[in-house]
Amino acid sequence: MDIKQIKDCIKADKYEMSQHALERALERDIWKEDIEHAIIHGEIIEEI
């Protein structure tokens, strides 16, 4: 899956976050909307 496909899934609300990711986001006071915005509008600074 490439970044365009990931962004498309986010925009269409066709994805799931793991329980672990949800717990960590809650601990860090990060909202689902913040994560979505970062993925859709952010840039890849390093590819592996």
N, C-alpha and C. Protein backbone atom coordinates (compact mmCIF):
# COMPACT_ATOMS: atom_id res chain seq x y z
N MET A 1 0.86 -1.17 0.00
CA MET A 1 0.00 0.00 0.00
C MET A 1 0.91 1.23 0.00
N ASP A 2 0.63 2.17 -0.90
CA ASP A 2 1.43 3.39 -0.95
C ASP A 2 0.71 4.53 -0.22
N ILE A 3 1.37 5.67 -0.10
CA ILE A 3 0.84 6.77 0.69
C ILE A 3 -0.47 7.31 0.11
N LYS A 4 -0.62 7.29 -1.22
CA LYS A 4 -1.88 7.76 -1.82
C LYS A 4 -3.04 6.87 -1.39
N GLN A 5 -2.83 5.58 -1.38
CA GLN A 5 -3.87 4.66 -0.96
C GLN A 5 -4.21 4.86 0.52
N ILE A 6 -3.20 5.09 1.32
CA ILE A 6 -3.43 5.34 2.75
C ILE A 6 -4.25 6.61 2.93
N LYS A 7 -3.86 7.68 2.23
CA LYS A 7 -4.60 8.94 2.32
C LYS A 7 -6.05 8.76 1.87
N ASP A 8 -6.25 8.01 0.79
CA ASP A 8 -7.61 7.76 0.30
C ASP A 8 -8.45 7.02 1.34
N CYS A 9 -7.86 6.06 2.02
CA CYS A 9 -8.57 5.33 3.08
C CYS A 9 -8.93 6.26 4.23
N ILE A 10 -8.01 7.13 4.60
CA ILE A 10 -8.28 8.08 5.68
C ILE A 10 -9.44 8.99 5.29
N LYS A 11 -9.39 9.53 4.09
CA LYS A 11 -10.44 10.45 3.62
C LYS A 11 -11.80 9.77 3.56
N ALA A 12 -11.81 8.49 3.21
CA ALA A 12 -13.07 7.75 3.10
C ALA A 12 -13.47 7.09 4.43
N ASP A 13 -12.69 7.31 5.47
CA ASP A 13 -12.92 6.71 6.79
C ASP A 13 -13.02 5.19 6.70
N LYS A 14 -12.11 4.61 5.91
CA LYS A 14 -12.08 3.16 5.72
C LYS A 14 -10.78 2.59 6.27
N TYR A 15 -10.59 2.77 7.56
CA TYR A 15 -9.41 2.24 8.23
C TYR A 15 -9.75 2.00 9.69
N GLU A 16 -8.91 1.24 10.36
CA GLU A 16 -9.07 0.97 11.78
C GLU A 16 -7.74 1.21 12.46
N MET A 17 -7.80 1.76 13.66
CA MET A 17 -6.60 1.90 14.48
C MET A 17 -6.59 0.77 15.49
N SER A 18 -5.42 0.25 15.77
CA SER A 18 -5.31 -0.82 16.76
C SER A 18 -5.62 -0.28 18.15
N GLN A 19 -5.98 -1.17 19.04
CA GLN A 19 -6.24 -0.79 20.42
C GLN A 19 -5.01 -0.15 21.03
N HIS A 20 -3.85 -0.69 20.72
CA HIS A 20 -2.59 -0.15 21.24
C HIS A 20 -2.39 1.30 20.77
N ALA A 21 -2.61 1.56 19.50
CA ALA A 21 -2.45 2.91 18.96
C ALA A 21 -3.44 3.87 19.62
N LEU A 22 -4.67 3.43 19.82
CA LEU A 22 -5.67 4.27 20.47
C LEU A 22 -5.27 4.60 21.90
N GLU A 23 -4.75 3.61 22.63
CA GLU A 23 -4.32 3.83 24.00
C GLU A 23 -3.16 4.83 24.06
N ARG A 24 -2.18 4.68 23.16
CA ARG A 24 -1.04 5.60 23.16
C ARG A 24 -1.47 7.01 22.79
N ALA A 25 -2.36 7.14 21.82
CA ALA A 25 -2.85 8.46 21.43
C ALA A 25 -3.56 9.12 22.60
N LEU A 26 -4.38 8.37 23.31
CA LEU A 26 -5.09 8.89 24.47
C LEU A 26 -4.11 9.35 25.55
N GLU A 27 -3.08 8.56 25.81
CA GLU A 27 -2.07 8.92 26.80
C GLU A 27 -1.38 10.24 26.44
N ARG A 28 -1.21 10.46 25.14
CA ARG A 28 -0.48 11.64 24.67
C ARG A 28 -1.40 12.79 24.28
N ASP A 29 -2.69 12.64 24.57
CA ASP A 29 -3.69 13.67 24.25
C ASP A 29 -3.68 14.03 22.77
N ILE A 30 -3.62 12.99 21.93
CA ILE A 30 -3.66 13.16 20.49
C ILE A 30 -5.02 12.66 20.00
N TRP A 31 -5.71 13.49 19.25
CA TRP A 31 -7.04 13.15 18.75
C TRP A 31 -6.96 12.47 17.39
N LYS A 32 -7.97 11.67 17.08
CA LYS A 32 -8.05 10.98 15.79
C LYS A 32 -7.92 11.98 14.65
N GLU A 33 -8.55 13.13 14.79
CA GLU A 33 -8.50 14.16 13.74
C GLU A 33 -7.09 14.69 13.53
N ASP A 34 -6.31 14.77 14.61
CA ASP A 34 -4.92 15.20 14.49
C ASP A 34 -4.10 14.21 13.68
N ILE A 35 -4.31 12.94 13.94
CA ILE A 35 -3.59 11.88 13.22
C ILE A 35 -3.98 11.90 11.74
N GLU A 36 -5.28 12.00 11.48
CA GLU A 36 -5.75 12.05 10.09
C GLU A 36 -5.16 13.25 9.35
N HIS A 37 -5.17 14.41 10.00
CA HIS A 37 -4.63 15.62 9.38
C HIS A 37 -3.14 15.45 9.07
N ALA A 38 -2.41 14.89 10.00
CA ALA A 38 -0.97 14.69 9.79
C ALA A 38 -0.70 13.77 8.61
N ILE A 39 -1.48 12.72 8.48
CA ILE A 39 -1.28 11.78 7.38
C ILE A 39 -1.66 12.41 6.04
N ILE A 40 -2.80 13.10 6.01
CA ILE A 40 -3.28 13.68 4.75
C ILE A 40 -2.42 14.86 4.30
N HIS A 41 -2.00 15.71 5.24
CA HIS A 41 -1.32 16.95 4.87
C HIS A 41 0.19 16.93 5.12
N GLY A 42 0.67 15.90 5.79
CA GLY A 42 2.10 15.83 6.10
C GLY A 42 2.92 15.41 4.90
N GLU A 43 4.21 15.39 5.10
CA GLU A 43 5.10 14.95 4.04
C GLU A 43 6.01 13.85 4.56
N ILE A 44 6.40 12.97 3.66
CA ILE A 44 7.32 11.89 4.01
C ILE A 44 8.72 12.49 3.98
N ILE A 45 9.44 12.37 5.11
CA ILE A 45 10.77 12.95 5.16
C ILE A 45 11.86 11.90 4.94
N GLU A 46 11.48 10.63 5.08
CA GLU A 46 12.43 9.56 4.80
C GLU A 46 11.67 8.29 4.49
N GLU A 47 12.03 7.66 3.39
CA GLU A 47 11.42 6.38 3.05
C GLU A 47 12.41 5.27 3.31
N ILE A 48 11.89 4.16 3.75
CA ILE A 48 12.77 3.02 4.05
C ILE A 48 12.77 2.06 2.89
